N, C-alpha and C. Protein backbone atom coordinates (compact mmCIF):
# COMPACT_ATOMS: atom_id res chain seq x y z
N UNK A 1 159.92 49.06 57.49
CA UNK A 1 158.30 48.32 57.80
C UNK A 1 158.61 48.30 58.91
N UNK A 2 159.52 46.76 58.69
CA UNK A 2 159.53 45.87 60.20
C UNK A 2 159.72 46.61 61.47
N UNK A 3 160.39 48.13 61.16
CA UNK A 3 161.81 48.43 62.76
C UNK A 3 160.26 49.74 62.80
N UNK A 4 158.86 49.84 62.00
CA UNK A 4 158.15 50.94 62.96
C UNK A 4 157.93 50.69 63.58
N UNK A 5 157.61 51.42 64.95
CA UNK A 5 155.36 51.49 65.62
C UNK A 5 155.39 52.44 66.13
N UNK A 6 154.31 52.07 66.72
CA UNK A 6 152.88 52.82 67.24
C UNK A 6 153.53 55.02 67.01
N UNK A 7 154.41 54.13 67.72
CA UNK A 7 154.38 57.00 67.36
C UNK A 7 154.70 56.31 66.51
N UNK A 8 155.16 56.17 65.55
CA UNK A 8 155.77 56.39 64.22
C UNK A 8 154.84 56.54 63.12
N UNK A 9 152.98 55.78 63.64
CA UNK A 9 152.21 55.53 63.15
C UNK A 9 151.31 56.39 62.92
N UNK A 10 151.29 56.88 64.48
CA UNK A 10 150.40 57.89 65.01
C UNK A 10 150.73 59.60 64.68
N UNK A 11 151.92 59.50 63.71
CA UNK A 11 152.53 60.97 63.89
C UNK A 11 153.14 61.10 62.20
N UNK A 12 151.97 59.89 61.48
CA UNK A 12 152.37 60.35 60.33
C UNK A 12 150.50 59.68 59.38
N UNK A 13 149.79 60.00 60.80
CA UNK A 13 148.24 59.77 60.45
C UNK A 13 147.82 60.83 59.45
N UNK A 14 147.91 60.99 59.53
CA UNK A 14 148.04 62.66 58.46
C UNK A 14 148.12 62.46 57.52
N UNK A 15 148.77 61.89 57.04
CA UNK A 15 149.39 61.05 55.69
C UNK A 15 147.45 60.49 54.33
N UNK A 16 147.58 59.89 56.10
CA UNK A 16 145.85 59.48 54.68
C UNK A 16 145.41 60.24 54.63
N UNK A 17 144.56 62.01 55.59
CA UNK A 17 144.01 62.46 55.25
C UNK A 17 144.00 63.68 53.70
N UNK A 18 142.96 63.52 53.24
CA UNK A 18 143.22 64.84 51.71
C UNK A 18 144.22 65.41 51.66
N UNK A 19 144.71 65.27 50.20
CA UNK A 19 145.35 65.71 50.07
C UNK A 19 145.16 67.46 49.46
N UNK A 20 144.14 67.26 49.54
CA UNK A 20 144.22 68.47 48.27
C UNK A 20 143.58 70.06 49.72
N UNK A 21 142.59 69.42 51.02
CA UNK A 21 142.44 70.27 52.27
C UNK A 21 144.22 70.33 52.19
N UNK A 22 144.98 68.96 53.58
CA UNK A 22 146.21 69.37 54.00
C UNK A 22 147.54 71.29 52.99
N UNK A 23 147.07 70.74 51.35
CA UNK A 23 147.61 71.18 50.70
C UNK A 23 147.44 73.31 50.98
N UNK A 24 146.17 72.99 51.48
CA UNK A 24 145.02 74.22 51.28
C UNK A 24 145.48 74.86 52.81
N UNK A 25 145.63 73.64 53.69
CA UNK A 25 146.14 74.70 55.34
C UNK A 25 147.37 74.97 55.13
N UNK A 26 147.99 74.25 54.94
CA UNK A 26 149.95 75.16 54.37
C UNK A 26 149.71 76.35 53.68
N UNK A 27 149.52 76.24 52.02
CA UNK A 27 149.42 77.23 51.85
C UNK A 27 148.76 78.59 52.96
N UNK A 28 147.76 78.49 53.26
CA UNK A 28 146.69 79.33 53.73
C UNK A 28 147.63 79.64 54.75
N UNK A 29 147.99 79.00 55.51
CA UNK A 29 149.33 79.09 56.47
C UNK A 29 151.23 79.16 56.68
N UNK A 30 151.09 80.67 55.12
CA UNK A 30 152.84 79.45 54.65
C UNK A 30 153.37 80.49 55.69
N UNK A 31 153.15 81.97 56.44
CA UNK A 31 153.86 82.27 56.76
C UNK A 31 154.46 81.91 57.89
N UNK A 32 153.49 81.45 58.20
CA UNK A 32 153.69 80.52 60.46
C UNK A 32 154.18 79.41 59.84
N UNK A 33 154.31 78.18 59.10
CA UNK A 33 154.74 77.47 59.17
C UNK A 33 156.57 77.49 58.82
N UNK A 34 156.24 78.32 57.31
CA UNK A 34 157.84 79.01 57.47
C UNK A 34 158.47 79.05 58.31
N UNK A 35 158.41 80.03 59.02
CA UNK A 35 158.09 80.51 60.07
C UNK A 35 158.96 79.28 60.59
N UNK A 36 158.35 78.22 61.91
CA UNK A 36 158.04 76.57 62.28
C UNK A 36 158.35 76.04 61.52
N UNK A 37 158.77 75.71 60.40
CA UNK A 37 160.03 74.54 59.91
C UNK A 37 161.56 75.63 59.91
N UNK A 38 161.92 76.86 60.39
CA UNK A 38 163.29 77.10 59.55
C UNK A 38 163.59 76.81 61.57
N UNK A 39 162.96 77.22 62.51
CA UNK A 39 163.46 76.15 63.58
C UNK A 39 163.60 75.85 64.11
N UNK A 40 163.16 74.60 63.31
CA UNK A 40 162.38 72.18 63.71
C UNK A 40 164.45 72.38 62.90
N UNK A 41 165.01 73.99 61.48
CA UNK A 41 166.00 73.25 60.69
C UNK A 41 166.94 73.72 61.40
N UNK A 42 167.41 75.06 62.72
CA UNK A 42 168.16 75.40 62.79
C UNK A 42 168.30 74.26 64.20
N UNK A 43 167.41 74.24 65.08
CA UNK A 43 167.71 73.23 65.94
C UNK A 43 168.46 71.81 65.21
N UNK A 44 167.56 71.16 64.61
CA UNK A 44 168.22 69.65 63.97
C UNK A 44 169.58 70.47 63.39
N UNK A 45 170.65 71.72 63.21
CA UNK A 45 171.47 72.20 63.05
C UNK A 45 172.87 71.94 63.90
N UNK A 46 172.02 72.63 65.02
CA UNK A 46 173.13 72.11 65.81
C UNK A 46 173.20 71.33 66.99
N UNK A 47 172.01 69.51 66.17
CA UNK A 47 171.68 68.61 67.19
C UNK A 47 173.64 68.12 65.90
N UNK A 48 172.96 68.12 64.40
CA UNK A 48 174.07 67.64 63.82
C UNK A 48 175.43 67.89 63.76
N UNK A 49 175.80 69.72 64.29
CA UNK A 49 176.71 69.68 64.37
C UNK A 49 177.73 69.69 65.51
N UNK A 50 176.86 69.22 66.96
CA UNK A 50 176.58 69.19 68.38
C UNK A 50 177.41 67.27 67.48
N UNK A 51 176.43 66.24 66.74
CA UNK A 51 177.13 64.64 66.60
C UNK A 51 178.82 64.73 65.84
N UNK A 52 178.61 65.72 64.87
CA UNK A 52 180.20 66.20 63.92
C UNK A 52 181.02 65.95 64.44
N UNK A 53 180.09 67.01 65.63
CA UNK A 53 182.28 67.76 66.55
C UNK A 53 182.00 66.28 67.81
N UNK A 54 181.67 65.42 67.69
CA UNK A 54 181.17 65.14 68.93
C UNK A 54 181.03 65.47 70.44
N UNK A 55 180.97 66.60 70.50
CA UNK A 55 180.48 67.14 71.27
C UNK A 55 180.59 66.86 72.80
N UNK A 56 179.76 65.85 73.52
CA UNK A 56 179.31 65.63 74.24
C UNK A 56 177.59 66.56 75.13
N UNK A 57 179.08 67.66 75.21
CA UNK A 57 178.27 68.16 76.72
C UNK A 57 177.50 69.85 75.89
N UNK A 58 177.52 69.74 74.27
CA UNK A 58 175.99 70.04 73.26
C UNK A 58 175.00 69.80 73.64
N UNK A 59 175.17 68.08 73.33
CA UNK A 59 173.91 67.09 73.59
C UNK A 59 173.25 67.20 74.62
N UNK A 60 174.33 67.14 75.19
CA UNK A 60 173.63 67.23 76.29
C UNK A 60 172.63 68.58 77.40
N UNK A 61 172.97 69.16 76.74
CA UNK A 61 172.52 70.82 77.21
C UNK A 61 171.55 70.96 76.19
N UNK A 62 171.40 70.45 74.89
CA UNK A 62 170.08 69.94 73.71
C UNK A 62 168.64 69.56 74.06
N UNK A 63 169.76 68.27 75.25
CA UNK A 63 168.24 66.85 75.99
C UNK A 63 167.93 67.83 76.65
N UNK A 64 168.77 68.72 77.27
CA UNK A 64 168.70 68.87 78.68
C UNK A 64 166.31 70.32 78.43
N UNK A 65 167.48 70.84 77.39
CA UNK A 65 166.26 71.71 76.94
C UNK A 65 165.16 70.94 76.60
N UNK A 66 165.92 70.15 75.20
CA UNK A 66 164.19 69.71 75.52
C UNK A 66 163.21 68.99 76.34
N UNK A 67 163.90 68.21 78.03
CA UNK A 67 163.80 67.48 78.58
C UNK A 67 162.87 68.88 79.57
N UNK A 68 163.38 69.47 79.43
CA UNK A 68 162.30 70.29 79.69
C UNK A 68 160.93 71.36 79.32
N UNK A 69 161.32 71.69 78.09
CA UNK A 69 160.27 71.87 77.63
C UNK A 69 158.61 71.09 77.63
N UNK A 70 158.89 69.86 77.46
CA UNK A 70 158.29 69.04 77.11
C UNK A 70 157.61 68.72 78.44
N UNK A 71 158.81 68.62 79.16
CA UNK A 71 157.81 68.66 81.05
C UNK A 71 156.81 69.89 81.00
N UNK A 72 156.37 70.73 80.58
CA UNK A 72 155.50 71.91 80.28
C UNK A 72 154.39 71.75 79.94
N UNK A 73 154.41 70.86 79.31
CA UNK A 73 152.87 70.07 78.33
C UNK A 73 152.32 68.97 79.93
N UNK A 74 153.10 68.80 80.68
CA UNK A 74 153.07 67.27 81.51
C UNK A 74 151.78 68.61 83.60
N UNK A 75 151.68 69.44 82.88
CA UNK A 75 151.61 70.82 83.56
C UNK A 75 150.03 70.51 83.51
């Protein structure tokens, strides 16, 4: 808890919201949500493999891709 910053608190603030509502929303959007979770897991697996294999080139490429994706939000 002492290492938790504002960004973590902001990202987790939905945890304070009605659990019945969020359960209903997740289940009503199950197909889209499961697809998004799988995509997220696939990306984590790429990062994990790069770290495990000491592959700095792959990590850098993933970081570059992420930065480019993030820049789209600033437009």
